[in-house]
């Protein structure tokens, strides 16, 4: 089987020749750029050209040398800049960044990003690893009418200006990948609703809106859903015909429970997710992947009902996310993409033997009957030993073979 055949078989709940392997096929299954440099060196590939498109997470775009070295089955089509600029990572490693993303170094060693109006929209503290969003344009909104003053911020939440390739240009890239490679092609779309409401309104304030200012919260989520639908119409006409999977995102879980009570989610937020996901399903044939961290097992039936085919990253360290139980309860109706090794504990702090043991356990739990794409839980963080990363993928490749 080639890469695409293998992965599509698994996503159709069939057993291919081996468990498909992902690295960098989603924006949440790659490595922080510092860890990526260390992985390349460990693989004997040298520093290469490291490109950071997701500037907030400071993650690397996985290149062809690494895909081949680890026998990866996936390839991401992510929003990219038209031009790159040279810069450096937090450890001084040379890297390339979107040309229009230009943080300004401050006297205290922090880096700030300003918008055209002079607002600080992102900050990386001194010796930090990530840029945190810092500006909520609807923070002071007092009425539904105020939402309409910020429609541009709503419409562009998932499309930052520094990632300025058009959908037509991304479609050309996806079409070339489909014609010239056999990778499973994943297109990133985004489509945040709850998370976008929190970022635009203020993280705590929007959660309070859902309870005490519900009409406002629903009006904002409705505008977000409509903006995503309008954008997906263009995406469906351009990129979607060339991709096998489309990635949506909305973080709905904490470490010990869903971010909202399931009944609150179903009553207030789910209608807008359903509106978006069902529209996407009506406009394309791709598998729909939803990325949500945390303890989301109580919401999985809702994901399935709304038309989601794949759950990522399957955060095994969160409450209720036992892989054997998830497979038994939901494995016939949804595929699991992730779960291969815990990035909070085992991968960064365990030995190679610990990593291999967990990988085998997750494959035993999730691989039978297909419906499983192997990768670690979310992005590999800085400080993770590269030998652990290599052990993870080597074990998955060798242990994840199906009996034919």
Protein backbone atom coordinates (compact mmCIF):
# COMPACT_ATOMS: atom_id res chain seq x y z
CA UNK A 1 0.00 0.00 0.00
CA UNK A 2 1.16 3.53 -0.61
CA UNK A 3 0.83 6.30 1.97
CA UNK A 4 -2.57 7.58 0.86
CA UNK A 5 -4.10 4.14 0.40
CA UNK A 6 -2.92 3.10 3.85
CA UNK A 7 -4.34 6.15 5.60
CA UNK A 8 -7.63 6.16 3.70
CA UNK A 9 -8.15 2.50 4.53
CA UNK A 10 -7.66 3.25 8.21
CA UNK A 11 -10.06 6.21 8.05
CA UNK A 12 -12.61 3.87 6.44
CA UNK A 13 -12.26 1.60 9.50
CA UNK A 14 -10.36 -1.07 7.64
CA UNK A 15 -7.03 -2.62 8.59
CA UNK A 16 -4.26 -1.61 6.15
CA UNK A 17 -0.79 -3.19 6.04
CA UNK A 18 0.35 -1.13 9.04
CA UNK A 19 -0.91 1.68 11.23
CA UNK A 20 -0.58 4.98 9.30
CA UNK A 21 1.89 7.46 10.77
CA UNK A 22 1.54 11.23 10.94
CA UNK A 23 4.09 13.90 11.73
CA UNK A 24 3.25 17.44 10.72
CA UNK A 25 0.11 16.42 8.85
CA UNK A 26 -1.89 18.74 11.10
CA UNK A 27 -0.83 21.99 12.75
CA UNK A 28 -1.10 20.18 16.09
CA UNK A 29 1.01 17.10 15.35
CA UNK A 30 4.38 18.62 14.54
CA UNK A 31 7.25 19.82 16.75
CA UNK A 32 8.25 23.12 18.22
CA UNK A 33 10.91 24.46 15.90
CA UNK A 34 13.69 24.08 18.49
CA UNK A 35 12.80 20.41 18.95
CA UNK A 36 12.56 20.00 15.18
CA UNK A 37 16.12 21.24 14.73
CA UNK A 38 17.30 18.71 17.31
CA UNK A 39 15.37 15.92 15.57
CA UNK A 40 16.92 16.76 12.20
CA UNK A 41 20.39 16.67 13.71
CA UNK A 42 19.68 13.37 15.49
CA UNK A 43 18.55 11.89 12.17
CA UNK A 44 21.81 13.04 10.57
CA UNK A 45 20.04 15.49 8.28
CA UNK A 46 21.79 18.68 9.42
CA UNK A 47 20.00 21.92 10.29
CA UNK A 48 18.21 22.32 6.94
CA UNK A 49 15.86 25.26 6.43
CA UNK A 50 13.45 25.52 9.34
CA UNK A 51 10.23 27.36 8.58
CA UNK A 52 7.83 28.58 11.27
CA UNK A 53 4.39 29.33 9.83
CA UNK A 54 2.40 28.97 13.07
CA UNK A 55 4.13 31.80 14.87
CA UNK A 56 2.03 31.55 18.01
CA UNK A 57 2.90 27.91 18.69
CA UNK A 58 6.40 28.40 17.20
CA UNK A 59 6.18 25.07 15.39
CA UNK A 60 8.05 23.86 12.32
CA UNK A 61 6.68 22.84 8.96
CA UNK A 62 7.87 19.25 8.49
CA UNK A 63 10.00 18.88 5.37
CA UNK A 64 10.40 16.04 2.91
CA UNK A 65 13.68 14.75 4.35
CA UNK A 66 12.07 14.16 7.74
CA UNK A 67 8.90 12.67 6.24
CA UNK A 68 10.99 10.11 4.34
CA UNK A 69 13.32 9.37 7.26
CA UNK A 70 10.35 8.49 9.52
CA UNK A 71 8.14 6.96 6.79
CA UNK A 72 5.34 9.46 7.40
CA UNK A 73 2.04 8.99 5.51
CA UNK A 74 0.64 12.54 5.69
CA UNK A 75 1.26 16.01 4.26
CA UNK A 76 -0.26 19.30 5.45
CA UNK A 77 -1.56 22.13 3.30
CA UNK A 78 -1.53 25.03 5.76
CA UNK A 79 -1.94 28.76 5.22
CA UNK A 80 1.49 30.10 4.33
CA UNK A 81 3.07 33.48 3.62
CA UNK A 82 3.92 34.62 0.15
CA UNK A 83 7.35 35.63 1.39
CA UNK A 84 9.60 34.48 4.21
CA UNK A 85 12.16 36.44 6.20
CA UNK A 86 15.26 35.22 8.01
CA UNK A 87 15.24 35.23 11.80
CA UNK A 88 16.20 33.02 14.71
CA UNK A 89 14.54 30.70 17.21
CA UNK A 90 14.64 31.21 20.96
CA UNK A 91 17.93 29.29 21.16
CA UNK A 92 19.53 31.29 18.34
CA UNK A 93 18.98 28.69 15.60
CA UNK A 94 18.48 30.32 12.18
CA UNK A 95 14.93 29.94 10.90
CA UNK A 96 12.48 31.55 8.50
CA UNK A 97 9.28 33.33 9.51
CA UNK A 98 6.42 34.96 7.59
CA UNK A 99 7.79 38.21 6.19
CA UNK A 100 4.84 40.24 7.47
CA UNK A 101 5.16 38.94 11.03
CA UNK A 102 7.58 41.38 12.68
CA UNK A 103 7.68 41.36 16.48
CA UNK A 104 9.57 44.19 18.15
CA UNK A 105 12.18 43.45 20.81
CA UNK A 106 11.66 45.38 24.05
CA UNK A 107 14.20 46.55 26.66
CA UNK A 108 13.07 43.82 29.07
CA UNK A 109 13.79 41.13 26.49
CA UNK A 110 10.17 40.46 25.59
CA UNK A 111 8.84 40.66 22.03
CA UNK A 112 5.64 42.50 21.14
CA UNK A 113 3.49 42.41 18.02
CA UNK A 114 1.47 45.53 17.17
CA UNK A 115 -1.49 45.92 14.84
CA UNK A 116 -2.02 48.92 12.57
CA UNK A 117 -3.79 50.83 15.33
CA UNK A 118 -0.94 50.37 17.78
CA UNK A 119 -2.59 47.68 19.90
CA UNK A 120 -0.32 44.98 21.32
CA UNK A 121 -1.89 41.86 19.85
CA UNK A 122 0.72 39.26 20.88
CA UNK A 123 3.60 38.95 23.32
CA UNK A 124 6.46 36.56 23.96
CA UNK A 125 8.08 37.12 27.36
CA UNK A 126 11.84 37.12 27.76
CA UNK A 127 13.15 33.56 27.41
CA UNK A 128 9.65 32.46 26.40
CA UNK A 129 8.70 29.82 23.88
CA UNK A 130 5.36 31.08 22.52
CA UNK A 131 3.56 34.22 21.46
CA UNK A 132 0.40 34.71 23.53
CA UNK A 133 -2.54 36.67 22.07
CA UNK A 134 -3.07 39.73 24.24
CA UNK A 135 -5.78 41.85 22.60
CA UNK A 136 -9.54 41.26 22.68
CA UNK A 137 -11.23 43.80 20.39
CA UNK A 138 -14.72 43.12 21.77
CA UNK A 139 -13.65 43.37 25.40
CA UNK A 140 -15.59 46.56 25.99
CA UNK A 141 -18.63 45.70 23.86
CA UNK A 142 -21.88 46.35 25.72
CA UNK A 143 -24.52 45.44 23.14
CA UNK A 144 -25.14 43.21 20.16
CA UNK A 145 -24.84 46.29 17.97
CA UNK A 146 -21.21 46.57 19.06
CA UNK A 147 -20.48 43.20 17.44
CA UNK A 148 -21.06 44.68 14.01
CA UNK A 149 -18.36 47.27 14.63
CA UNK A 150 -15.82 44.44 14.74
CA UNK A 151 -16.89 42.28 11.80
CA UNK A 152 -13.44 42.46 10.26
CA UNK A 153 -11.85 41.01 13.40
CA UNK A 154 -14.49 38.26 13.39
CA UNK A 155 -14.01 37.42 9.72
CA UNK A 156 -10.22 37.36 9.90
CA UNK A 157 -9.80 35.53 13.21
CA UNK A 158 -8.60 32.34 11.47
CA UNK A 159 -6.76 34.11 8.66
CA UNK A 160 -4.00 36.34 10.09
CA UNK A 161 -2.59 38.87 7.66
CA UNK A 162 0.95 37.45 7.75
CA UNK A 163 -0.32 34.18 6.21
CA UNK A 164 -1.29 35.76 2.93
CA UNK A 165 -1.35 33.01 0.32
CA UNK A 166 -4.75 32.92 -1.37
CA UNK A 167 -6.94 29.83 -1.47
CA UNK A 168 -6.20 29.62 -5.18
CA UNK A 169 -2.46 29.44 -4.44
CA UNK A 170 -3.03 26.83 -1.75
CA UNK A 171 -5.20 24.85 -4.17
CA UNK A 172 -2.34 24.82 -6.67
CA UNK A 173 -0.05 23.41 -3.98
CA UNK A 174 -2.60 20.77 -2.97
CA UNK A 175 -3.23 19.77 -6.57
CA UNK A 176 0.51 19.36 -7.20
CA UNK A 177 0.89 17.24 -4.06
CA UNK A 178 -2.00 15.01 -5.13
CA UNK A 179 -0.54 14.63 -8.63
CA UNK A 180 3.11 14.16 -7.69
CA UNK A 181 2.99 12.37 -4.32
CA UNK A 182 1.01 9.60 -2.65
CA UNK A 183 0.64 11.28 0.75
CA UNK A 184 -2.68 11.63 2.53
CA UNK A 185 -3.27 15.37 2.13
CA UNK A 186 -4.68 17.36 5.04
CA UNK A 187 -6.03 20.85 4.52
CA UNK A 188 -6.18 23.21 7.49
CA UNK A 189 -9.33 25.32 7.79
CA UNK A 190 -9.73 26.25 11.47
CA UNK A 191 -13.30 27.31 12.06
CA UNK A 192 -12.95 28.26 15.75
CA UNK A 193 -16.18 29.32 17.42
CA UNK A 194 -15.92 28.94 21.20
CA UNK A 195 -12.19 29.70 21.22
CA UNK A 196 -12.67 32.62 18.84
CA UNK A 197 -15.39 34.05 21.08
CA UNK A 198 -13.03 33.82 24.05
CA UNK A 199 -10.14 35.44 22.20
CA UNK A 200 -12.25 38.24 20.72
CA UNK A 201 -14.21 38.98 23.87
CA UNK A 202 -11.75 37.96 26.60
CA UNK A 203 -11.22 34.41 27.82
CA UNK A 204 -13.13 34.67 31.11
CA UNK A 205 -15.61 37.28 29.95
CA UNK A 206 -16.96 35.17 27.12
CA UNK A 207 -17.50 32.19 29.42
CA UNK A 208 -19.51 34.49 31.67
CA UNK A 209 -21.41 35.74 28.61
CA UNK A 210 -22.51 32.17 27.88
CA UNK A 211 -24.32 32.16 31.22
CA UNK A 212 -25.22 35.76 32.02
CA UNK A 213 -25.28 37.48 28.62
CA UNK A 214 -26.44 34.67 26.41
CA UNK A 215 -28.05 36.74 23.65
CA UNK A 216 -24.75 38.55 23.13
CA UNK A 217 -22.76 35.30 23.14
CA UNK A 218 -25.12 33.67 20.66
CA UNK A 219 -25.03 36.71 18.38
CA UNK A 220 -21.22 36.60 18.35
CA UNK A 221 -21.10 32.85 17.68
CA UNK A 222 -23.66 33.25 14.91
CA UNK A 223 -21.48 35.89 13.24
CA UNK A 224 -18.46 33.59 13.59
CA UNK A 225 -20.33 30.63 12.09
CA UNK A 226 -21.57 32.75 9.18
CA UNK A 227 -18.07 34.09 8.55
CA UNK A 228 -16.63 30.56 8.55
CA UNK A 229 -19.37 29.32 6.22
CA UNK A 230 -18.73 32.17 3.79
CA UNK A 231 -15.03 31.35 3.86
CA UNK A 232 -15.62 27.61 3.51
CA UNK A 233 -17.65 28.22 0.36
CA UNK A 234 -14.47 29.59 -1.20
CA UNK A 235 -12.37 26.83 0.34
CA UNK A 236 -14.68 24.17 -1.09
CA UNK A 237 -14.32 25.64 -4.58
CA UNK A 238 -10.53 25.82 -4.45
CA UNK A 239 -8.59 23.69 -1.94
CA UNK A 240 -11.09 21.04 -0.84
CA UNK A 241 -11.18 19.00 -4.08
CA UNK A 242 -7.49 18.13 -3.63
CA UNK A 243 -7.37 17.21 0.07
CA UNK A 244 -8.42 14.00 1.83
CA UNK A 245 -8.97 15.48 5.30
CA UNK A 246 -9.95 18.98 6.45
CA UNK A 247 -8.89 20.11 9.91
CA UNK A 248 -11.28 22.12 12.08
CA UNK A 249 -10.38 23.35 15.55
CA UNK A 250 -12.05 24.42 18.77
CA UNK A 251 -10.58 23.57 22.17
CA UNK A 252 -13.41 22.28 24.34
CA UNK A 253 -11.63 20.42 27.13
CA UNK A 254 -9.60 21.02 30.25
CA UNK A 255 -7.37 18.49 32.00
CA UNK A 256 -10.13 17.13 34.22
CA UNK A 257 -13.41 17.94 32.43
CA UNK A 258 -14.96 19.65 29.41
CA UNK A 259 -14.62 23.42 29.39
CA UNK A 260 -18.43 23.64 29.56
CA UNK A 261 -20.86 21.22 31.10
CA UNK A 262 -22.07 18.92 28.30
CA UNK A 263 -25.65 20.15 28.66
CA UNK A 264 -24.48 23.79 28.42
CA UNK A 265 -22.37 22.96 25.36
CA UNK A 266 -25.32 21.24 23.66
CA UNK A 267 -27.71 24.07 24.43
CA UNK A 268 -25.56 27.09 23.61
CA UNK A 269 -22.49 26.23 21.50
CA UNK A 270 -23.30 23.04 19.62
CA UNK A 271 -25.89 24.65 17.29
CA UNK A 272 -23.15 26.82 15.75
CA UNK A 273 -20.69 23.95 15.43
CA UNK A 274 -23.40 21.85 13.81
CA UNK A 275 -24.25 24.64 11.40
CA UNK A 276 -20.63 24.90 10.26
CA UNK A 277 -19.75 21.20 10.16
CA UNK A 278 -22.92 20.21 8.34
CA UNK A 279 -22.36 22.94 5.77
CA UNK A 280 -18.82 21.69 5.22
CA UNK A 281 -20.09 18.14 4.83
CA UNK A 282 -22.55 19.33 2.18
CA UNK A 283 -19.80 21.04 0.16
CA UNK A 284 -17.01 18.46 0.08
CA UNK A 285 -16.21 14.75 0.28
CA UNK A 286 -13.18 15.06 2.56
CA UNK A 287 -13.02 13.50 6.01
CA UNK A 288 -13.66 16.13 8.69
CA UNK A 289 -11.16 16.24 11.56
CA UNK A 290 -11.86 18.13 14.77
CA UNK A 291 -8.95 19.11 16.97
CA UNK A 292 -9.88 19.59 20.61
CA UNK A 293 -7.57 19.11 23.55
CA UNK A 294 -8.51 17.85 26.95
CA UNK A 295 -11.20 15.74 28.57
CA UNK A 296 -13.80 15.74 25.80
CA UNK A 297 -15.09 12.15 25.96
CA UNK A 298 -18.59 13.27 27.08
CA UNK A 299 -18.83 15.33 23.87
CA UNK A 300 -17.72 12.64 21.41
CA UNK A 301 -21.32 11.54 20.68
CA UNK A 302 -22.06 15.16 19.75
CA UNK A 303 -19.04 15.28 17.44
CA UNK A 304 -20.24 12.14 15.68
CA UNK A 305 -23.79 13.46 15.38
CA UNK A 306 -22.52 16.70 13.77
CA UNK A 307 -20.60 14.81 11.08
CA UNK A 308 -17.06 14.77 12.49
CA UNK A 309 -15.11 11.74 11.24
CA UNK A 310 -11.85 12.12 13.19
CA UNK A 311 -10.90 13.30 16.68
CA UNK A 312 -7.45 14.75 17.38
CA UNK A 313 -5.22 14.83 19.48
CA UNK A 314 -6.85 12.32 21.90
CA UNK A 315 -5.19 13.68 25.03
CA UNK A 316 -4.57 10.46 26.92
CA UNK A 317 -3.50 12.23 30.13
CA UNK A 318 -6.88 13.95 30.50
CA UNK A 319 -9.77 12.58 32.52
CA UNK A 320 -11.95 10.05 30.72
CA UNK A 321 -9.60 9.70 27.75
CA UNK A 322 -8.52 6.09 28.29
CA UNK A 323 -7.75 4.76 24.84
CA UNK A 324 -9.16 1.26 25.36
CA UNK A 325 -12.46 2.66 26.62
CA UNK A 326 -12.67 5.24 23.80
CA UNK A 327 -12.12 2.53 21.20
CA UNK A 328 -14.75 0.26 22.74
CA UNK A 329 -17.36 3.00 23.01
CA UNK A 330 -16.78 5.02 19.85
CA UNK A 331 -14.33 3.17 17.61
CA UNK A 332 -16.96 2.10 15.08
CA UNK A 333 -18.19 5.65 14.51
CA UNK A 334 -15.14 7.93 14.71
CA UNK A 335 -11.43 7.61 13.98
CA UNK A 336 -8.71 8.61 16.41
CA UNK A 337 -5.74 10.66 15.20
CA UNK A 338 -3.09 11.05 17.88
CA UNK A 339 -2.87 9.32 21.29
CA UNK A 340 0.36 7.57 20.30
CA UNK A 341 2.46 8.89 23.18
CA UNK A 342 1.78 11.39 25.97
CA UNK A 343 3.67 14.64 25.35
CA UNK A 344 3.11 15.88 28.91
CA UNK A 345 5.06 13.13 30.65
CA UNK A 346 6.28 10.06 28.77
CA UNK A 347 7.75 11.60 25.63
CA UNK A 348 9.67 14.47 27.29
CA UNK A 349 10.60 12.80 30.58
CA UNK A 350 10.51 9.03 30.03
CA UNK A 351 13.23 6.73 28.75
CA UNK A 352 13.18 5.28 25.23
CA UNK A 353 11.90 2.05 26.79
CA UNK A 354 9.06 3.97 28.46
CA UNK A 355 8.17 5.52 25.11
CA UNK A 356 8.18 2.16 23.32
CA UNK A 357 5.99 0.62 26.00
CA UNK A 358 3.38 3.36 25.75
CA UNK A 359 3.38 3.28 21.94
CA UNK A 360 2.67 -0.46 21.99
CA UNK A 361 -0.14 0.02 24.50
CA UNK A 362 -1.83 2.71 22.40
CA UNK A 363 -1.55 0.62 19.24
CA UNK A 364 -3.02 -2.39 21.05
CA UNK A 365 -5.94 -0.22 22.22
CA UNK A 366 -6.70 1.76 19.06
CA UNK A 367 -5.45 -0.10 15.99
CA UNK A 368 -7.79 -3.15 15.79
CA UNK A 369 -10.30 -2.70 12.98
CA UNK A 370 -8.60 0.43 11.65
CA UNK A 371 -9.79 3.91 12.56
CA UNK A 372 -6.41 5.00 13.94
CA UNK A 373 -3.74 7.38 12.63
CA UNK A 374 -0.66 7.26 14.85
CA UNK A 375 1.09 10.36 16.12
CA UNK A 376 1.97 11.84 19.49
CA UNK A 377 -0.53 13.82 21.56
CA UNK A 378 -0.27 17.38 20.19
CA UNK A 379 3.03 19.07 19.30
CA UNK A 380 6.39 17.84 20.59
CA UNK A 381 7.68 20.48 22.98
CA UNK A 382 11.13 22.01 23.35
CA UNK A 383 13.38 19.92 25.57
CA UNK A 384 11.99 16.58 24.40
CA UNK A 385 14.89 14.18 23.71
CA UNK A 386 15.09 13.52 19.97
CA UNK A 387 15.96 9.87 20.65
CA UNK A 388 12.53 9.52 22.28
CA UNK A 389 10.86 10.95 19.19
CA UNK A 390 12.73 8.55 16.92
CA UNK A 391 11.92 5.62 19.23
CA UNK A 392 8.25 6.55 19.11
CA UNK A 393 8.02 6.43 15.33
CA UNK A 394 10.32 3.41 14.97
CA UNK A 395 8.18 1.44 17.42
CA UNK A 396 4.96 2.48 15.70
CA UNK A 397 6.29 1.47 12.31
CA UNK A 398 7.54 -1.93 13.48
CA UNK A 399 4.89 -2.85 16.06
CA UNK A 400 1.92 -1.41 14.16
CA UNK A 401 1.93 -4.06 11.42
CA UNK A 402 -1.42 -5.76 10.88
CA UNK A 403 -1.58 -9.54 10.43
CA UNK A 404 -2.50 -10.15 6.81
